[in-house]
């Protein structure tokens, strides 16, 4: 069995979750009473960042979960 660093995988997962939460908060901060096109575009861009960080967090979660499955269940 390969040497898997579970602590690093968990750390990577937690960092990815923190980045996702930060992106959500940044997007939320842009939802305000400025109804201009620029404000809307900034909000849309922040939404794309939320999407990208969500994907990264889910990928990190899957890497960690799959490593745990391999260790605990052998697959």
PDB file of N, CA and C in Angstrom:
ATOM      1  N   UNK A   1       0.853  -1.195   0.000  1.00  0.00           N
ATOM      2  CA  UNK A   1       0.000   0.000   0.000  1.00  0.00           C
ATOM      3  C   UNK A   1       0.889   1.245   0.000  1.00  0.00           C
ATOM      4  N   UNK A   2       0.534   2.196  -0.817  1.00  0.00           N
ATOM      5  CA  UNK A   2       1.318   3.420  -0.893  1.00  0.00           C
ATOM      6  C   UNK A   2       1.206   4.216   0.400  1.00  0.00           C
ATOM      7  N   UNK A   3       2.195   5.054   0.635  1.00  0.00           N
ATOM      8  CA  UNK A   3       2.219   5.865   1.848  1.00  0.00           C
ATOM      9  C   UNK A   3       1.371   7.120   1.626  1.00  0.00           C
ATOM     10  N   UNK A   4       0.209   7.161   2.237  1.00  0.00           N
ATOM     11  CA  UNK A   4      -0.729   8.271   2.069  1.00  0.00           C
ATOM     12  C   UNK A   4      -0.635   9.183   3.285  1.00  0.00           C
ATOM     13  N   UNK A   5      -0.481  10.467   3.054  1.00  0.00           N
ATOM     14  CA  UNK A   5      -0.411  11.448   4.133  1.00  0.00           C
ATOM     15  C   UNK A   5      -1.828  11.972   4.409  1.00  0.00           C
ATOM     16  N   UNK A   6      -2.507  11.310   5.337  1.00  0.00           N
ATOM     17  CA  UNK A   6      -3.893  11.673   5.650  1.00  0.00           C
ATOM     18  C   UNK A   6      -3.986  13.072   6.246  1.00  0.00           C
ATOM     19  N   UNK A   7      -2.995  13.431   7.050  1.00  0.00           N
ATOM     20  CA  UNK A   7      -3.012  14.766   7.647  1.00  0.00           C
ATOM     21  C   UNK A   7      -2.928  15.849   6.575  1.00  0.00           C
ATOM     22  N   UNK A   8      -2.117  15.623   5.554  1.00  0.00           N
ATOM     23  CA  UNK A   8      -2.003  16.602   4.471  1.00  0.00           C
ATOM     24  C   UNK A   8      -3.294  16.660   3.656  1.00  0.00           C
ATOM     25  N   UNK A   9      -3.884  15.507   3.395  1.00  0.00           N
ATOM     26  CA  UNK A   9      -5.155  15.489   2.664  1.00  0.00           C
ATOM     27  C   UNK A   9      -6.241  16.226   3.441  1.00  0.00           C
ATOM     28  N   UNK A  10      -6.285  16.021   4.750  1.00  0.00           N
ATOM     29  CA  UNK A  10      -7.267  16.710   5.585  1.00  0.00           C
ATOM     30  C   UNK A  10      -6.990  18.211   5.600  1.00  0.00           C
ATOM     31  N   UNK A  11      -5.722  18.582   5.713  1.00  0.00           N
ATOM     32  CA  UNK A  11      -5.348  19.998   5.699  1.00  0.00           C
ATOM     33  C   UNK A  11      -5.753  20.645   4.376  1.00  0.00           C
ATOM     34  N   UNK A  12      -5.478  19.955   3.269  1.00  0.00           N
ATOM     35  CA  UNK A  12      -5.858  20.474   1.952  1.00  0.00           C
ATOM     36  C   UNK A  12      -7.367  20.651   1.846  1.00  0.00           C
ATOM     37  N   UNK A  13      -8.114  19.691   2.374  1.00  0.00           N
ATOM     38  CA  UNK A  13      -9.574  19.766   2.356  1.00  0.00           C
ATOM     39  C   UNK A  13     -10.062  20.969   3.161  1.00  0.00           C
ATOM     40  N   UNK A  14      -9.523  21.130   4.368  1.00  0.00           N
ATOM     41  CA  UNK A  14      -9.957  22.247   5.212  1.00  0.00           C
ATOM     42  C   UNK A  14      -9.611  23.593   4.577  1.00  0.00           C
ATOM     43  N   UNK A  15      -8.445  23.685   3.946  1.00  0.00           N
ATOM     44  CA  UNK A  15      -8.076  24.929   3.266  1.00  0.00           C
ATOM     45  C   UNK A  15      -9.010  25.211   2.096  1.00  0.00           C
ATOM     46  N   UNK A  16      -9.385  24.180   1.381  1.00  0.00           N
ATOM     47  CA  UNK A  16     -10.300  24.350   0.254  1.00  0.00           C
ATOM     48  C   UNK A  16     -11.676  24.795   0.740  1.00  0.00           C
ATOM     49  N   UNK A  17     -12.125  24.233   1.846  1.00  0.00           N
ATOM     50  CA  UNK A  17     -13.410  24.649   2.422  1.00  0.00           C
ATOM     51  C   UNK A  17     -13.345  26.103   2.870  1.00  0.00           C
ATOM     52  N   UNK A  18     -12.241  26.486   3.515  1.00  0.00           N
ATOM     53  CA  UNK A  18     -12.084  27.878   3.943  1.00  0.00           C
ATOM     54  C   UNK A  18     -12.108  28.831   2.750  1.00  0.00           C
ATOM     55  N   UNK A  19     -11.457  28.451   1.662  1.00  0.00           N
ATOM     56  CA  UNK A  19     -11.458  29.288   0.454  1.00  0.00           C
ATOM     57  C   UNK A  19     -12.869  29.407  -0.110  1.00  0.00           C
ATOM     58  N   UNK A  20     -13.618  28.315  -0.073  1.00  0.00           N
ATOM     59  CA  UNK A  20     -15.002  28.324  -0.563  1.00  0.00           C
ATOM     60  C   UNK A  20     -15.865  29.257   0.283  1.00  0.00           C
ATOM     61  N   UNK A  21     -15.736  29.143   1.596  1.00  0.00           N
ATOM     62  CA  UNK A  21     -16.505  30.001   2.503  1.00  0.00           C
ATOM     63  C   UNK A  21     -16.136  31.469   2.285  1.00  0.00           C
ATOM     64  N   UNK A  22     -14.844  31.746   2.137  1.00  0.00           N
ATOM     65  CA  UNK A  22     -14.416  33.123   1.872  1.00  0.00           C
ATOM     66  C   UNK A  22     -15.026  33.648   0.575  1.00  0.00           C
ATOM     67  N   UNK A  23     -15.071  32.802  -0.448  1.00  0.00           N
ATOM     68  CA  UNK A  23     -15.654  33.208  -1.729  1.00  0.00           C
ATOM     69  C   UNK A  23     -17.149  33.483  -1.585  1.00  0.00           C
ATOM     70  N   UNK A  24     -17.830  32.659  -0.813  1.00  0.00           N
ATOM     71  CA  UNK A  24     -19.264  32.878  -0.575  1.00  0.00           C
ATOM     72  C   UNK A  24     -19.477  34.211   0.128  1.00  0.00           C
ATOM     73  N   UNK A  25     -18.659  34.487   1.125  1.00  0.00           N
ATOM     74  CA  UNK A  25     -18.805  35.753   1.862  1.00  0.00           C
ATOM     75  C   UNK A  25     -18.497  36.957   0.971  1.00  0.00           C
ATOM     76  N   UNK A  26     -17.499  36.804   0.098  1.00  0.00           N
ATOM     77  CA  UNK A  26     -17.170  37.895  -0.824  1.00  0.00           C
ATOM     78  C   UNK A  26     -18.325  38.143  -1.792  1.00  0.00           C
ATOM     79  N   UNK A  27     -18.935  37.065  -2.274  1.00  0.00           N
ATOM     80  CA  UNK A  27     -20.092  37.214  -3.162  1.00  0.00           C
ATOM     81  C   UNK A  27     -21.249  37.867  -2.413  1.00  0.00           C
ATOM     82  N   UNK A  28     -21.480  37.426  -1.197  1.00  0.00           N
ATOM     83  CA  UNK A  28     -22.566  37.982  -0.396  1.00  0.00           C
ATOM     84  C   UNK A  28     -22.371  39.481  -0.172  1.00  0.00           C
ATOM     85  N   UNK A  29     -21.129  39.889   0.047  1.00  0.00           N
ATOM     86  CA  UNK A  29     -20.845  41.304   0.290  1.00  0.00           C
ATOM     87  C   UNK A  29     -21.165  42.165  -0.931  1.00  0.00           C
ATOM     88  N   UNK A  30     -21.136  41.559  -2.108  1.00  0.00           N
ATOM     89  CA  UNK A  30     -21.432  42.302  -3.332  1.00  0.00           C
ATOM     90  C   UNK A  30     -22.927  42.390  -3.626  1.00  0.00           C
ATOM     91  N   UNK A  31     -23.728  41.667  -2.884  1.00  0.00           N
ATOM     92  CA  UNK A  31     -25.185  41.749  -3.039  1.00  0.00           C
ATOM     93  C   UNK A  31     -25.665  42.926  -2.190  1.00  0.00           C
ATOM     94  N   UNK A  32     -25.807  44.069  -2.824  1.00  0.00           N
ATOM     95  CA  UNK A  32     -26.168  45.278  -2.085  1.00  0.00           C
ATOM     96  C   UNK A  32     -27.131  46.132  -2.909  1.00  0.00           C
ATOM     97  N   UNK A  33     -27.354  47.332  -2.447  1.00  0.00           N
ATOM     98  CA  UNK A  33     -28.343  48.177  -3.120  1.00  0.00           C
ATOM     99  C   UNK A  33     -27.761  48.986  -4.279  1.00  0.00           C
ATOM    100  N   UNK A  34     -26.547  48.667  -4.708  1.00  0.00           N
ATOM    101  CA  UNK A  34     -25.977  49.270  -5.918  1.00  0.00           C
ATOM    102  C   UNK A  34     -26.460  48.440  -7.105  1.00  0.00           C
ATOM    103  N   UNK A  35     -27.387  48.979  -7.868  1.00  0.00           N
ATOM    104  CA  UNK A  35     -28.024  48.233  -8.948  1.00  0.00           C
ATOM    105  C   UNK A  35     -27.398  48.523 -10.313  1.00  0.00           C
ATOM    106  N   UNK A  36     -26.161  49.004 -10.304  1.00  0.00           N
ATOM    107  CA  UNK A  36     -25.495  49.343 -11.562  1.00  0.00           C
ATOM    108  C   UNK A  36     -25.021  48.089 -12.292  1.00  0.00           C
ATOM    109  N   UNK A  37     -24.705  48.266 -13.565  1.00  0.00           N
ATOM    110  CA  UNK A  37     -24.206  47.157 -14.374  1.00  0.00           C
ATOM    111  C   UNK A  37     -22.857  46.668 -13.838  1.00  0.00           C
ATOM    112  N   UNK A  38     -22.002  47.591 -13.443  1.00  0.00           N
ATOM    113  CA  UNK A  38     -20.685  47.222 -12.915  1.00  0.00           C
ATOM    114  C   UNK A  38     -20.838  46.375 -11.655  1.00  0.00           C
ATOM    115  N   UNK A  39     -21.722  46.794 -10.767  1.00  0.00           N
ATOM    116  CA  UNK A  39     -21.950  46.029  -9.541  1.00  0.00           C
ATOM    117  C   UNK A  39     -22.485  44.640  -9.863  1.00  0.00           C
ATOM    118  N   UNK A  40     -23.386  44.569 -10.825  1.00  0.00           N
ATOM    119  CA  UNK A  40     -23.943  43.271 -11.210  1.00  0.00           C
ATOM    120  C   UNK A  40     -22.854  42.371 -11.793  1.00  0.00           C
ATOM    121  N   UNK A  41     -21.983  42.934 -12.630  1.00  0.00           N
ATOM    122  CA  UNK A  41     -20.907  42.141 -13.224  1.00  0.00           C
ATOM    123  C   UNK A  41     -19.911  41.666 -12.169  1.00  0.00           C
ATOM    124  N   UNK A  42     -19.611  42.527 -11.204  1.00  0.00           N
ATOM    125  CA  UNK A  42     -18.727  42.113 -10.106  1.00  0.00           C
ATOM    126  C   UNK A  42     -19.351  40.974  -9.306  1.00  0.00           C
ATOM    127  N   UNK A  43     -20.649  41.071  -9.080  1.00  0.00           N
ATOM    128  CA  UNK A  43     -21.369  40.032  -8.347  1.00  0.00           C
ATOM    129  C   UNK A  43     -21.357  38.721  -9.136  1.00  0.00           C
ATOM    130  N   UNK A  44     -21.590  38.818 -10.442  1.00  0.00           N
ATOM    131  CA  UNK A  44     -21.544  37.623 -11.297  1.00  0.00           C
ATOM    132  C   UNK A  44     -20.160  36.978 -11.279  1.00  0.00           C
ATOM    133  N   UNK A  45     -19.126  37.798 -11.360  1.00  0.00           N
ATOM    134  CA  UNK A  45     -17.753  37.283 -11.322  1.00  0.00           C
ATOM    135  C   UNK A  45     -17.485  36.582  -9.996  1.00  0.00           C
ATOM    136  N   UNK A  46     -17.956  37.168  -8.915  1.00  0.00           N
ATOM    137  CA  UNK A  46     -17.791  36.540  -7.604  1.00  0.00           C
ATOM    138  C   UNK A  46     -18.518  35.200  -7.559  1.00  0.00           C
ATOM    139  N   UNK A  47     -19.647  35.112  -8.233  1.00  0.00           N
ATOM    140  CA  UNK A  47     -20.379  33.845  -8.299  1.00  0.00           C
ATOM    141  C   UNK A  47     -19.584  32.767  -9.013  1.00  0.00           C
ATOM    142  N   UNK A  48     -18.837  33.162 -10.035  1.00  0.00           N
ATOM    143  CA  UNK A  48     -17.979  32.197 -10.734  1.00  0.00           C
ATOM    144  C   UNK A  48     -16.856  31.706  -9.826  1.00  0.00           C
ATOM    145  N   UNK A  49     -16.325  32.604  -9.016  1.00  0.00           N
ATOM    146  CA  UNK A  49     -15.284  32.212  -8.059  1.00  0.00           C
ATOM    147  C   UNK A  49     -15.861  31.231  -7.044  1.00  0.00           C
ATOM    148  N   UNK A  50     -17.078  31.490  -6.587  1.00  0.00           N
ATOM    149  CA  UNK A  50     -17.741  30.558  -5.665  1.00  0.00           C
ATOM    150  C   UNK A  50     -17.849  29.182  -6.310  1.00  0.00           C
ATOM    151  N   UNK A  51     -18.259  29.151  -7.552  1.00  0.00           N
ATOM    152  CA  UNK A  51     -18.404  27.880  -8.265  1.00  0.00           C
ATOM    153  C   UNK A  51     -17.064  27.147  -8.346  1.00  0.00           C
ATOM    154  N   UNK A  52     -16.018  27.865  -8.728  1.00  0.00           N
ATOM    155  CA  UNK A  52     -14.698  27.245  -8.865  1.00  0.00           C
ATOM    156  C   UNK A  52     -14.161  26.737  -7.527  1.00  0.00           C
ATOM    157  N   UNK A  53     -14.342  27.529  -6.475  1.00  0.00           N
ATOM    158  CA  UNK A  53     -13.842  27.097  -5.166  1.00  0.00           C
ATOM    159  C   UNK A  53     -14.675  25.941  -4.614  1.00  0.00           C
ATOM    160  N   UNK A  54     -15.954  25.903  -4.949  1.00  0.00           N
ATOM    161  CA  UNK A  54     -16.780  24.759  -4.550  1.00  0.00           C
ATOM    162  C   UNK A  54     -16.265  23.477  -5.199  1.00  0.00           C
ATOM    163  N   UNK A  55     -15.959  23.552  -6.483  1.00  0.00           N
ATOM    164  CA  UNK A  55     -15.427  22.375  -7.178  1.00  0.00           C
ATOM    165  C   UNK A  55     -14.105  21.922  -6.566  1.00  0.00           C
ATOM    166  N   UNK A  56     -13.247  22.881  -6.226  1.00  0.00           N
ATOM    167  CA  UNK A  56     -11.957  22.541  -5.617  1.00  0.00           C
ATOM    168  C   UNK A  56     -12.158  21.891  -4.251  1.00  0.00           C
ATOM    169  N   UNK A  57     -13.115  22.403  -3.472  1.00  0.00           N
ATOM    170  CA  UNK A  57     -13.388  21.831  -2.153  1.00  0.00           C
ATOM    171  C   UNK A  57     -13.930  20.413  -2.278  1.00  0.00           C
ATOM    172  N   UNK A  58     -14.813  20.197  -3.227  1.00  0.00           N
ATOM    173  CA  UNK A  58     -15.373  18.856  -3.415  1.00  0.00           C
ATOM    174  C   UNK A  58     -14.320  17.879  -3.923  1.00  0.00           C
ATOM    175  N   UNK A  59     -13.405  18.360  -4.750  1.00  0.00           N
ATOM    176  CA  UNK A  59     -12.321  17.503  -5.223  1.00  0.00           C
ATOM    177  C   UNK A  59     -11.413  17.117  -4.055  1.00  0.00           C
ATOM    178  N   UNK A  60     -11.071  18.090  -3.211  1.00  0.00           N
ATOM    179  CA  UNK A  60     -10.228  17.812  -2.045  1.00  0.00           C
ATOM    180  C   UNK A  60     -10.930  16.849  -1.088  1.00  0.00           C
ATOM    181  N   UNK A  61     -12.236  17.035  -0.913  1.00  0.00           N
ATOM    182  CA  UNK A  61     -13.009  16.125  -0.066  1.00  0.00           C
ATOM    183  C   UNK A  61     -12.968  14.708  -0.627  1.00  0.00           C
ATOM    184  N   UNK A  62     -13.158  14.581  -1.921  1.00  0.00           N
ATOM    185  CA  UNK A  62     -13.158  13.256  -2.546  1.00  0.00           C
ATOM    186  C   UNK A  62     -11.795  12.579  -2.438  1.00  0.00           C
ATOM    187  N   UNK A  63     -10.721  13.346  -2.600  1.00  0.00           N
ATOM    188  CA  UNK A  63      -9.381  12.771  -2.454  1.00  0.00           C
ATOM    189  C   UNK A  63      -9.185  12.224  -1.042  1.00  0.00           C
ATOM    190  N   UNK A  64      -9.611  12.999  -0.055  1.00  0.00           N
ATOM    191  CA  UNK A  64      -9.483  12.575   1.341  1.00  0.00           C
ATOM    192  C   UNK A  64     -10.365  11.357   1.625  1.00  0.00           C
ATOM    193  N   UNK A  65     -11.630  11.410   1.208  1.00  0.00           N
ATOM    194  CA  UNK A  65     -12.544  10.291   1.453  1.00  0.00           C
ATOM    195  C   UNK A  65     -12.080   9.021   0.757  1.00  0.00           C
ATOM    196  N   UNK A  66     -11.604   9.150  -0.468  1.00  0.00           N
ATOM    197  CA  UNK A  66     -11.138   7.969  -1.192  1.00  0.00           C
ATOM    198  C   UNK A  66      -9.902   7.364  -0.542  1.00  0.00           C
ATOM    199  N   UNK A  67      -9.020   8.206  -0.029  1.00  0.00           N
ATOM    200  CA  UNK A  67      -7.845   7.695   0.683  1.00  0.00           C
ATOM    201  C   UNK A  67      -8.271   6.959   1.951  1.00  0.00           C
ATOM    202  N   UNK A  68      -9.259   7.500   2.657  1.00  0.00           N
ATOM    203  CA  UNK A  68      -9.767   6.826   3.859  1.00  0.00           C
ATOM    204  C   UNK A  68     -10.424   5.496   3.506  1.00  0.00           C
ATOM    205  N   UNK A  69     -11.177   5.479   2.438  1.00  0.00           N
ATOM    206  CA  UNK A  69     -11.806   4.223   2.002  1.00  0.00           C
ATOM    207  C   UNK A  69     -10.750   3.174   1.668  1.00  0.00           C
ATOM    208  N   UNK A  70      -9.709   3.611   0.975  1.00  0.00           N
ATOM    209  CA  UNK A  70      -8.646   2.685   0.600  1.00  0.00           C
ATOM    210  C   UNK A  70      -7.977   2.113   1.850  1.00  0.00           C
ATOM    211  N   UNK A  71      -7.734   2.972   2.836  1.00  0.00           N
ATOM    212  CA  UNK A  71      -7.100   2.535   4.085  1.00  0.00           C
ATOM    213  C   UNK A  71      -8.020   1.616   4.879  1.00  0.00           C
ATOM    214  N   UNK A  72      -9.269   2.012   5.035  1.00  0.00           N
ATOM    215  CA  UNK A  72     -10.180   1.303   5.934  1.00  0.00           C
ATOM    216  C   UNK A  72     -10.896   0.117   5.303  1.00  0.00           C
ATOM    217  N   UNK A  73     -11.115   0.187   4.005  1.00  0.00           N
ATOM    218  CA  UNK A  73     -11.883  -0.869   3.343  1.00  0.00           C
ATOM    219  C   UNK A  73     -11.110  -1.587   2.242  1.00  0.00           C
ATOM    220  N   UNK A  74      -9.936  -1.069   1.900  1.00  0.00           N
ATOM    221  CA  UNK A  74      -9.113  -1.721   0.898  1.00  0.00           C
ATOM    222  C   UNK A  74      -9.516  -1.448  -0.535  1.00  0.00           C
ATOM    223  N   UNK A  75     -10.356  -0.425  -0.763  1.00  0.00           N
ATOM    224  CA  UNK A  75     -10.716  -0.072  -2.144  1.00  0.00           C
ATOM    225  C   UNK A  75     -10.784   1.420  -2.315  1.00  0.00           C
TER     226      UNK A  75
END
